[in-house]
């Protein structure tokens, strides 16, 4: 899909030939003196076109517009959240096989976050997964024009929004793929595909032999139950000098999670193809970085394998040695994400990072706590946590800071190893984070539990591409700033 931004008045936007014209009006809209603006103003004044976010007045072939359909769309106070609500509602109304060119006109000068919200809402509404369909339907919408009188002021944010959409759609693509079309080997090839000429991205892929040499015993334990070989993917984006300290992103890449011997219930187990959504989000971030080319350095680490059951599968009660040298009693083989992540977090030390953020569909407990609205954020570093929270608010990709009191880690004690991999049901999202924290003492660290936000279930089942928007916003906002302390 091609996005374009032009400096146009409402009347000028109406003269653009298109299949649908969305006119976004706020509570404070004041019409200009031209006939089309006056018409919109009268419709609002008469109550036919409410400005409440998500309310729509559809019009067919208005005499003063070149569009086949005109939709006057309420966006309330004009905030990013309400613009997103309005555009999403309008797209649901306007979406059809005939919608090939769309013009989205802001009736008043627009703020930068609202441009991002509008682009994201259009992209979300028009996305369609096609990879494994025998007769995929072609994407109808080909061209989207955003029109506003202050286009020059928001050009940079428009470019950022388009780049984030590219990353989100790549993340959706790989998270949506069935597990037999998204094996660790295929995921690694997708990462290698990002390392194109001019992208400033390089990719290294390690296999079982290299991972064994590194001593990643926890990662190896999870992978040994599958015939598919594990892959440890190392992506590097170098936009700054080699001496500039990188930020490291670690994405959980379990391409299918049966639970292992602690097997999951059959109902909805198909959704465990989404258990590599953290890895998909890292791929998406690097796709966005390739577009934006910011002057920063970023490393992406993806430990990827399947969690299945065979004669060699790890058993409850087994003790393994992690790359850090710490031993782990695996009481529940379905708590495998933290096992692959802990070795990747140790590997991250070699980059002497300014910060490390891991992203994982880690716990059902986080879904219970926060639902599908906000991702769980855990960090002992308040500067890092604050930066991520702010990035989430700006990107409308929300998270919520959870506690990390030491008492939550008490349940990880065991008589047979340095720690257990689970600590009971109560506070399960926090004890999982406390487990990960034991491998992060040498750098500022944050953990994003995206189990509730990475995909939707039910009739609209599919990946959301979160938290690509949050992570890109964080990386661009912080640059090479450091987060003092641990």
Protein backbone atom coordinates (compact mmCIF):
# COMPACT_ATOMS: atom_id res chain seq x y z
CA UNK A 1 0.00 0.00 0.00
CA UNK A 2 1.26 3.46 -0.90
CA UNK A 3 0.84 6.27 1.65
CA UNK A 4 1.20 9.92 0.64
CA UNK A 5 0.96 13.23 2.52
CA UNK A 6 -0.08 16.49 0.83
CA UNK A 7 -0.63 20.09 2.03
CA UNK A 8 -4.29 20.47 1.04
CA UNK A 9 -7.25 22.39 2.38
CA UNK A 10 -10.53 20.59 2.89
CA UNK A 11 -11.86 21.94 -0.40
CA UNK A 12 -8.69 20.89 -2.24
CA UNK A 13 -8.91 17.41 -0.70
CA UNK A 14 -12.48 17.14 -1.98
CA UNK A 15 -11.24 17.66 -5.55
CA UNK A 16 -8.98 14.59 -5.34
CA UNK A 17 -10.43 11.73 -7.36
CA UNK A 18 -10.84 8.69 -5.11
CA UNK A 19 -13.22 5.94 -4.08
CA UNK A 20 -13.77 7.35 -0.60
CA UNK A 21 -13.05 10.64 1.15
CA UNK A 22 -12.89 10.57 4.94
CA UNK A 23 -13.33 14.03 6.45
CA UNK A 24 -12.08 14.01 10.05
CA UNK A 25 -13.85 16.62 12.19
CA UNK A 26 -13.17 17.56 15.81
CA UNK A 27 -15.43 19.07 18.44
CA UNK A 28 -13.86 22.48 17.74
CA UNK A 29 -14.10 22.40 13.93
CA UNK A 30 -14.66 25.83 12.38
CA UNK A 31 -15.51 25.72 8.66
CA UNK A 32 -13.71 27.85 6.10
CA UNK A 33 -15.73 30.02 3.72
CA UNK A 34 -15.72 27.62 0.78
CA UNK A 35 -18.88 25.70 -0.06
CA UNK A 36 -17.66 22.22 0.87
CA UNK A 37 -16.37 23.28 4.29
CA UNK A 38 -19.61 25.17 4.89
CA UNK A 39 -21.59 22.04 4.02
CA UNK A 40 -19.61 20.01 6.58
CA UNK A 41 -20.16 22.75 9.14
CA UNK A 42 -23.93 22.76 8.54
CA UNK A 43 -24.13 18.98 8.86
CA UNK A 44 -22.41 19.24 12.25
CA UNK A 45 -24.56 22.17 13.39
CA UNK A 46 -27.78 20.36 12.43
CA UNK A 47 -26.68 17.27 14.36
CA UNK A 48 -26.51 15.00 11.30
CA UNK A 49 -22.73 14.65 11.60
CA UNK A 50 -21.84 14.15 15.30
CA UNK A 51 -18.21 14.90 16.13
CA UNK A 52 -18.06 12.20 18.81
CA UNK A 53 -15.19 9.82 18.03
CA UNK A 54 -16.36 6.96 15.84
CA UNK A 55 -19.63 8.54 14.69
CA UNK A 56 -20.05 8.74 10.89
CA UNK A 57 -22.27 10.47 8.36
CA UNK A 58 -21.97 8.67 4.99
CA UNK A 59 -22.80 10.59 1.79
CA UNK A 60 -22.98 9.15 -1.74
CA UNK A 61 -21.54 11.19 -4.63
CA UNK A 62 -21.61 14.68 -3.16
CA UNK A 63 -21.76 17.32 -5.91
CA UNK A 64 -18.71 19.20 -4.60
CA UNK A 65 -16.45 16.14 -4.18
CA UNK A 66 -14.71 13.87 -6.67
CA UNK A 67 -15.02 10.90 -4.31
CA UNK A 68 -17.61 8.22 -4.95
CA UNK A 69 -18.35 8.21 -1.22
CA UNK A 70 -17.82 10.91 1.39
CA UNK A 71 -17.77 10.06 5.09
CA UNK A 72 -17.82 12.82 7.68
CA UNK A 73 -16.01 11.19 10.60
CA UNK A 74 -16.09 12.38 14.20
CA UNK A 75 -12.73 12.36 16.01
CA UNK A 76 -13.84 14.01 19.25
CA UNK A 77 -11.16 16.13 20.88
CA UNK A 78 -8.70 15.35 18.08
CA UNK A 79 -6.35 13.32 20.29
CA UNK A 80 -4.43 10.40 18.82
CA UNK A 81 -6.68 7.92 20.62
CA UNK A 82 -9.87 9.49 19.27
CA UNK A 83 -8.46 9.89 15.76
CA UNK A 84 -7.63 6.18 15.79
CA UNK A 85 -11.16 5.37 16.98
CA UNK A 86 -12.73 7.53 14.28
CA UNK A 87 -10.59 6.24 11.43
CA UNK A 88 -11.09 2.61 12.49
CA UNK A 89 -14.87 3.08 12.49
CA UNK A 90 -14.78 4.83 9.11
CA UNK A 91 -12.62 2.10 7.58
CA UNK A 92 -15.06 -0.55 8.77
CA UNK A 93 -17.85 1.39 7.05
CA UNK A 94 -15.98 2.20 3.83
CA UNK A 95 -14.11 -1.06 3.34
CA UNK A 96 -15.07 -2.85 0.14
CA UNK A 97 -13.55 -4.50 -2.93
CA UNK A 98 -14.04 -1.21 -4.79
CA UNK A 99 -11.99 0.85 -2.32
CA UNK A 100 -8.74 1.26 -4.21
CA UNK A 101 -7.85 4.91 -3.50
CA UNK A 102 -8.65 6.60 -0.22
CA UNK A 103 -8.27 10.25 0.78
CA UNK A 104 -8.20 11.01 4.47
CA UNK A 105 -8.60 14.75 5.09
CA UNK A 106 -8.09 16.46 8.42
CA UNK A 107 -10.62 19.30 8.56
CA UNK A 108 -8.37 21.18 11.01
CA UNK A 109 -4.55 21.36 11.35
CA UNK A 110 -3.33 18.09 12.81
CA UNK A 111 -0.89 17.17 15.57
CA UNK A 112 1.92 14.75 14.81
CA UNK A 113 0.65 11.85 17.02
CA UNK A 114 -2.69 12.01 15.20
CA UNK A 115 -1.00 11.48 11.84
CA UNK A 116 0.61 8.33 13.22
CA UNK A 117 -2.71 7.18 14.66
CA UNK A 118 -4.49 7.68 11.34
CA UNK A 119 -1.87 5.83 9.30
CA UNK A 120 -1.83 2.95 11.79
CA UNK A 121 -5.64 2.67 11.84
CA UNK A 122 -5.87 2.56 8.05
CA UNK A 123 -3.15 -0.08 7.85
CA UNK A 124 -4.73 -2.23 10.56
CA UNK A 125 -8.14 -2.09 8.89
CA UNK A 126 -6.83 -3.01 5.45
CA UNK A 127 -4.37 -5.76 6.49
CA UNK A 128 -5.14 -9.25 5.24
CA UNK A 129 -3.15 -12.46 5.74
CA UNK A 130 -2.78 -14.43 2.50
CA UNK A 131 0.39 -16.54 2.66
CA UNK A 132 -1.11 -20.00 3.08
CA UNK A 133 -4.36 -19.48 1.15
CA UNK A 134 -4.72 -21.27 -2.19
CA UNK A 135 -6.66 -18.39 -3.72
CA UNK A 136 -5.60 -15.28 -1.81
CA UNK A 137 -7.65 -12.16 -2.35
CA UNK A 138 -5.59 -9.24 -3.61
CA UNK A 139 -5.46 -6.21 -1.32
CA UNK A 140 -8.05 -3.82 -2.72
CA UNK A 141 -6.75 -0.60 -1.17
CA UNK A 142 -3.66 0.49 -3.08
CA UNK A 143 -3.28 4.21 -2.36
CA UNK A 144 -3.93 6.37 0.71
CA UNK A 145 -3.56 10.15 0.66
CA UNK A 146 -3.48 12.11 3.91
CA UNK A 147 -4.43 15.75 3.44
CA UNK A 148 -3.86 18.56 5.94
CA UNK A 149 -3.02 22.23 5.72
CA UNK A 150 0.05 21.79 7.96
CA UNK A 151 1.60 18.83 6.12
CA UNK A 152 5.14 20.25 6.33
CA UNK A 153 5.00 20.30 10.14
CA UNK A 154 4.12 16.61 10.39
CA UNK A 155 6.13 15.21 7.47
CA UNK A 156 8.75 13.55 9.68
CA UNK A 157 6.10 11.89 11.84
CA UNK A 158 4.25 10.73 8.74
CA UNK A 159 7.44 9.06 7.51
CA UNK A 160 7.91 7.42 10.89
CA UNK A 161 4.33 6.15 10.85
CA UNK A 162 4.72 4.57 7.42
CA UNK A 163 7.96 2.87 8.52
CA UNK A 164 6.29 1.52 11.66
CA UNK A 165 3.44 0.13 9.55
CA UNK A 166 6.00 -1.78 7.47
CA UNK A 167 7.44 -3.26 10.66
CA UNK A 168 4.07 -4.08 12.18
CA UNK A 169 2.95 -5.86 9.01
CA UNK A 170 6.13 -7.95 8.92
CA UNK A 171 5.56 -8.89 12.57
CA UNK A 172 1.96 -9.82 11.80
CA UNK A 173 3.01 -11.89 8.81
CA UNK A 174 5.41 -14.11 10.75
CA UNK A 175 3.27 -14.41 13.87
CA UNK A 176 0.23 -15.37 11.76
CA UNK A 177 2.02 -18.09 9.81
CA UNK A 178 1.23 -21.66 10.87
CA UNK A 179 4.07 -23.36 12.71
CA UNK A 180 4.95 -25.55 9.73
CA UNK A 181 5.43 -22.37 7.67
CA UNK A 182 7.38 -20.57 10.41
CA UNK A 183 9.95 -23.02 11.73
CA UNK A 184 13.09 -21.73 13.45
CA UNK A 185 14.97 -22.24 10.17
CA UNK A 186 12.41 -20.21 8.21
CA UNK A 187 12.41 -17.51 10.88
CA UNK A 188 16.17 -17.28 10.54
CA UNK A 189 15.85 -16.91 6.77
CA UNK A 190 13.39 -14.07 7.31
CA UNK A 191 15.94 -12.35 9.54
CA UNK A 192 18.67 -12.87 6.94
CA UNK A 193 16.36 -11.31 4.37
CA UNK A 194 16.46 -8.04 6.32
CA UNK A 195 20.21 -7.76 5.83
CA UNK A 196 19.96 -6.26 2.36
CA UNK A 197 22.36 -3.79 0.75
CA UNK A 198 21.93 -0.32 2.22
CA UNK A 199 19.82 -1.50 5.17
CA UNK A 200 22.70 -1.15 7.69
CA UNK A 201 21.60 -4.55 9.01
CA UNK A 202 23.70 -7.68 9.38
CA UNK A 203 22.54 -11.10 10.48
CA UNK A 204 24.30 -14.10 12.01
CA UNK A 205 22.53 -17.41 12.62
CA UNK A 206 23.84 -19.94 15.14
CA UNK A 207 22.77 -23.59 15.13
CA UNK A 208 22.82 -26.39 17.74
CA UNK A 209 26.59 -26.85 17.55
CA UNK A 210 27.39 -23.19 18.23
CA UNK A 211 24.74 -22.94 20.94
CA UNK A 212 26.17 -26.03 22.64
CA UNK A 213 29.65 -24.49 22.53
CA UNK A 214 28.27 -21.36 24.18
CA UNK A 215 26.87 -23.46 27.02
CA UNK A 216 23.22 -22.47 26.54
CA UNK A 217 21.92 -25.47 28.46
CA UNK A 218 18.49 -24.00 29.22
CA UNK A 219 17.80 -23.16 25.56
CA UNK A 220 19.05 -26.58 24.45
CA UNK A 221 16.81 -28.33 26.97
CA UNK A 222 13.67 -26.82 25.45
CA UNK A 223 14.75 -27.56 21.88
CA UNK A 224 15.64 -31.22 22.47
CA UNK A 225 11.99 -32.33 22.30
CA UNK A 226 11.65 -31.36 18.63
CA UNK A 227 13.02 -32.67 15.35
CA UNK A 228 13.30 -29.07 14.09
CA UNK A 229 16.80 -27.70 14.81
CA UNK A 230 17.02 -24.61 16.99
CA UNK A 231 18.28 -21.31 15.65
CA UNK A 232 19.85 -18.44 17.60
CA UNK A 233 19.48 -15.32 15.47
CA UNK A 234 21.70 -12.26 15.97
CA UNK A 235 20.60 -9.12 14.11
CA UNK A 236 22.63 -5.92 14.20
CA UNK A 237 21.59 -2.49 12.99
CA UNK A 238 24.50 -0.04 12.86
CA UNK A 239 23.38 3.50 12.22
CA UNK A 240 25.94 5.14 14.52
CA UNK A 241 29.67 4.73 15.07
CA UNK A 242 30.87 1.28 16.17
CA UNK A 243 31.82 2.81 19.50
CA UNK A 244 28.21 3.87 20.20
CA UNK A 245 26.69 1.60 22.85
CA UNK A 246 23.75 -0.43 21.45
CA UNK A 247 20.33 -1.21 22.81
CA UNK A 248 19.57 -4.93 22.75
CA UNK A 249 16.12 -6.37 22.02
CA UNK A 250 15.53 -10.04 22.91
CA UNK A 251 12.48 -11.72 21.35
CA UNK A 252 11.08 -15.05 22.48
CA UNK A 253 10.95 -17.27 19.39
CA UNK A 254 9.03 -20.42 20.34
CA UNK A 255 7.53 -21.20 16.94
CA UNK A 256 5.10 -23.69 18.48
CA UNK A 257 4.46 -24.43 22.14
CA UNK A 258 2.72 -27.68 23.02
CA UNK A 259 3.74 -27.24 26.65
CA UNK A 260 6.11 -30.20 26.39
CA UNK A 261 5.45 -33.03 28.85
CA UNK A 262 3.46 -30.51 30.92
CA UNK A 263 1.17 -30.50 27.90
CA UNK A 264 -1.38 -27.77 27.29
CA UNK A 265 -5.13 -28.44 26.91
CA UNK A 266 -6.15 -29.16 23.31
CA UNK A 267 -8.63 -26.28 23.09
CA UNK A 268 -7.09 -23.28 21.33
CA UNK A 269 -3.66 -24.92 21.25
CA UNK A 270 -3.47 -23.80 17.62
CA UNK A 271 -2.91 -20.29 18.97
CA UNK A 272 0.45 -21.40 20.29
CA UNK A 273 1.86 -20.61 16.85
CA UNK A 274 1.73 -17.03 18.19
CA UNK A 275 4.27 -17.91 20.90
CA UNK A 276 7.01 -16.43 18.72
CA UNK A 277 5.33 -13.00 18.62
CA UNK A 278 8.20 -11.51 20.61
CA UNK A 279 10.61 -12.70 17.92
CA UNK A 280 8.26 -11.38 15.22
CA UNK A 281 8.23 -7.97 16.90
CA UNK A 282 12.04 -7.84 16.81
CA UNK A 283 11.95 -8.62 13.08
CA UNK A 284 9.38 -5.87 12.68
CA UNK A 285 11.49 -3.32 14.53
CA UNK A 286 14.47 -4.05 12.29
CA UNK A 287 12.23 -3.68 9.23
CA UNK A 288 11.25 -0.21 10.48
CA UNK A 289 14.87 0.69 11.26
CA UNK A 290 15.84 -0.21 7.69
CA UNK A 291 13.33 2.40 6.48
CA UNK A 292 14.12 5.12 9.01
CA UNK A 293 17.92 4.71 9.18
CA UNK A 294 18.31 6.44 12.57
CA UNK A 295 21.77 7.23 13.97
CA UNK A 296 21.65 4.53 16.65
CA UNK A 297 22.95 0.99 17.15
CA UNK A 298 20.55 -1.84 17.93
CA UNK A 299 21.08 -5.58 18.44
CA UNK A 300 18.27 -8.11 18.12
CA UNK A 301 18.58 -11.56 19.68
CA UNK A 302 16.06 -14.30 18.85
CA UNK A 303 16.39 -17.72 20.52
CA UNK A 304 14.07 -19.87 18.40
CA UNK A 305 12.90 -23.47 18.73
CA UNK A 306 9.78 -25.59 19.16
CA UNK A 307 8.57 -26.91 22.52
CA UNK A 308 7.34 -30.41 21.66
CA UNK A 309 7.35 -33.95 23.05
CA UNK A 310 9.54 -36.85 21.98
CA UNK A 311 11.66 -39.46 23.73
CA UNK A 312 14.36 -36.88 24.42
CA UNK A 313 12.08 -34.12 25.71
CA UNK A 314 13.04 -32.45 28.97
CA UNK A 315 11.10 -33.81 31.98
CA UNK A 316 9.64 -32.10 35.04
CA UNK A 317 12.32 -32.29 37.73
CA UNK A 318 15.26 -32.21 35.31
CA UNK A 319 18.08 -29.84 36.23
CA UNK A 320 19.93 -27.91 33.50
CA UNK A 321 22.82 -25.46 33.52
CA UNK A 322 22.28 -22.10 31.87
CA UNK A 323 24.90 -20.11 29.97
CA UNK A 324 25.36 -17.98 33.09
CA UNK A 325 26.42 -21.08 35.06
CA UNK A 326 23.29 -20.96 37.23
CA UNK A 327 21.40 -24.25 37.50
CA UNK A 328 17.63 -24.53 36.99
CA UNK A 329 15.18 -27.19 38.11
CA UNK A 330 12.49 -27.41 35.43
CA UNK A 331 9.33 -28.05 37.42
CA UNK A 332 7.03 -27.20 34.52
CA UNK A 333 8.07 -27.74 30.90
CA UNK A 334 5.35 -25.31 29.79
CA UNK A 335 7.35 -22.49 31.38
CA UNK A 336 9.82 -22.77 28.51
CA UNK A 337 9.96 -19.17 27.32
CA UNK A 338 11.96 -18.05 30.32
CA UNK A 339 14.40 -20.91 29.70
CA UNK A 340 15.29 -19.79 26.19
CA UNK A 341 15.29 -16.12 27.19
CA UNK A 342 17.65 -16.51 30.14
CA UNK A 343 20.48 -17.76 27.91
CA UNK A 344 19.85 -14.97 25.39
CA UNK A 345 19.94 -12.42 28.23
CA UNK A 346 23.34 -13.77 29.28
CA UNK A 347 24.55 -13.62 25.67
CA UNK A 348 23.51 -9.95 25.60
CA UNK A 349 26.23 -9.08 28.11
CA UNK A 350 28.92 -9.23 25.40
CA UNK A 351 27.52 -6.10 23.76
CA UNK A 352 27.91 -4.04 26.96
CA UNK A 353 24.48 -2.56 26.18
CA UNK A 354 23.00 0.69 27.40
CA UNK A 355 19.76 -1.25 27.94
CA UNK A 356 18.21 -4.65 27.22
CA UNK A 357 14.50 -5.12 26.59
CA UNK A 358 13.10 -8.63 26.24
CA UNK A 359 9.73 -9.17 24.59
CA UNK A 360 7.79 -12.37 25.21
CA UNK A 361 4.37 -14.00 25.23
CA UNK A 362 5.43 -15.25 28.62
CA UNK A 363 2.52 -15.84 31.01
CA UNK A 364 -1.21 -16.40 31.04
CA UNK A 365 -1.10 -14.64 34.39
CA UNK A 366 -0.34 -11.37 32.62
CA UNK A 367 -3.44 -11.83 30.47
CA UNK A 368 -5.50 -12.24 33.64
CA UNK A 369 -3.92 -9.13 35.15
CA UNK A 370 -4.05 -6.74 32.19
CA UNK A 371 -6.22 -8.32 29.49
CA UNK A 372 -5.55 -7.28 25.91
CA UNK A 373 -5.26 -3.52 26.39
CA UNK A 374 -1.79 -3.08 27.89
CA UNK A 375 1.36 -5.18 27.82
CA UNK A 376 3.02 -5.89 31.16
CA UNK A 377 6.20 -3.91 31.84
CA UNK A 378 8.71 -5.05 34.43
CA UNK A 379 11.95 -3.22 35.22
CA UNK A 380 13.98 -2.35 38.32
CA UNK A 381 15.34 0.66 36.41
CA UNK A 382 12.93 3.57 36.70
CA UNK A 383 14.52 5.63 33.93
CA UNK A 384 14.17 2.75 31.49
CA UNK A 385 10.64 1.94 32.65
CA UNK A 386 9.60 5.57 32.30
CA UNK A 387 11.04 5.78 28.79
CA UNK A 388 9.12 2.66 27.72
CA UNK A 389 5.88 3.86 29.30
CA UNK A 390 6.19 7.20 27.53
CA UNK A 391 6.97 5.51 24.22
CA UNK A 392 3.88 3.34 24.61
CA UNK A 393 1.65 6.34 25.26
CA UNK A 394 3.08 8.22 22.28
CA UNK A 395 2.73 5.23 19.96
CA UNK A 396 -0.70 4.25 21.33
CA UNK A 397 0.86 0.85 22.05
CA UNK A 398 0.24 0.83 25.77
CA UNK A 399 2.00 -0.96 28.61
CA UNK A 400 1.67 -0.90 32.40
CA UNK A 401 4.43 -1.15 34.97
CA UNK A 402 4.15 -4.14 37.29
CA UNK A 403 5.96 -4.73 40.62
CA UNK A 404 9.25 -6.54 41.10
CA UNK A 405 9.44 -6.84 44.88
CA UNK A 406 12.04 -9.36 46.03
CA UNK A 407 9.38 -11.33 47.89
CA UNK A 408 7.87 -12.40 44.56
CA UNK A 409 11.02 -14.40 43.86
CA UNK A 410 10.84 -16.49 47.04
CA UNK A 411 8.82 -19.18 45.30
CA UNK A 412 11.70 -19.87 42.90
CA UNK A 413 13.72 -21.51 45.70
CA UNK A 414 14.38 -25.22 45.38
CA UNK A 415 16.50 -27.81 47.16
CA UNK A 416 17.87 -29.25 43.93
CA UNK A 417 19.23 -26.30 41.92
CA UNK A 418 20.00 -22.60 42.15
CA UNK A 419 16.39 -21.87 41.19
CA UNK A 420 13.21 -23.43 39.87
CA UNK A 421 11.64 -22.23 36.65
CA UNK A 422 8.20 -21.61 38.21
CA UNK A 423 6.93 -20.34 41.54
CA UNK A 424 3.25 -21.27 41.64
CA UNK A 425 0.14 -19.60 40.18
CA UNK A 426 -0.16 -16.57 42.46
CA UNK A 427 1.60 -13.57 40.92
CA UNK A 428 2.83 -15.77 38.09
CA UNK A 429 3.68 -12.91 35.72
CA UNK A 430 5.82 -11.27 38.40
CA UNK A 431 7.65 -14.43 39.49
CA UNK A 432 8.44 -15.11 35.82
CA UNK A 433 9.97 -11.65 35.57
CA UNK A 434 11.87 -12.26 38.82
CA UNK A 435 13.31 -15.41 37.23
CA UNK A 436 14.54 -13.42 34.22
CA UNK A 437 15.94 -10.69 36.46
CA UNK A 438 18.47 -13.17 37.85
CA UNK A 439 20.24 -13.11 34.48
CA UNK A 440 20.32 -9.32 33.99
CA UNK A 441 22.58 -7.96 36.70
CA UNK A 442 25.14 -6.42 34.34
CA UNK A 443 22.94 -3.92 32.47
CA UNK A 444 19.69 -1.93 32.72
CA UNK A 445 16.87 -4.32 31.82
CA UNK A 446 13.16 -4.34 31.12
CA UNK A 447 10.76 -7.16 30.30
CA UNK A 448 7.59 -6.79 28.22
CA UNK A 449 5.05 -9.57 28.71
CA UNK A 450 2.88 -9.40 25.58
CA UNK A 451 0.84 -12.57 26.17
CA UNK A 452 -2.38 -10.53 26.21
CA UNK A 453 -1.58 -8.06 23.45
CA UNK A 454 0.31 -10.00 20.76
CA UNK A 455 -2.77 -11.53 19.12
CA UNK A 456 -6.55 -11.54 19.12
CA UNK A 457 -8.72 -14.62 19.50
CA UNK A 458 -12.21 -15.39 18.24
CA UNK A 459 -13.67 -14.26 14.91
CA UNK A 460 -10.89 -11.68 14.44
CA UNK A 461 -8.12 -14.14 15.33
CA UNK A 462 -4.72 -12.86 14.26
CA UNK A 463 -1.52 -11.14 15.28
CA UNK A 464 -1.57 -7.47 16.27
CA UNK A 465 2.07 -6.63 15.52
CA UNK A 466 2.49 -5.20 19.00
CA UNK A 467 4.75 -3.90 20.48
CA UNK A 468 6.63 -2.81 17.32
CA UNK A 469 5.24 0.72 17.59
CA UNK A 470 6.28 1.06 21.24
CA UNK A 471 9.78 -0.26 20.61
CA UNK A 472 10.47 1.92 17.57
CA UNK A 473 9.26 4.99 19.45
CA UNK A 474 11.48 4.08 22.41
CA UNK A 475 14.56 3.55 20.26
CA UNK A 476 14.11 6.80 18.34
CA UNK A 477 13.34 8.81 21.47
CA UNK A 478 16.25 7.58 23.54
CA UNK A 479 18.93 7.35 20.86
CA UNK A 480 22.21 6.80 22.64
CA UNK A 481 20.99 8.06 26.02
CA UNK A 482 22.02 5.83 28.90
CA UNK A 483 19.98 4.47 31.77
CA UNK A 484 22.19 4.75 34.84
CA UNK A 485 22.09 1.92 37.31
CA UNK A 486 20.71 -1.59 37.01
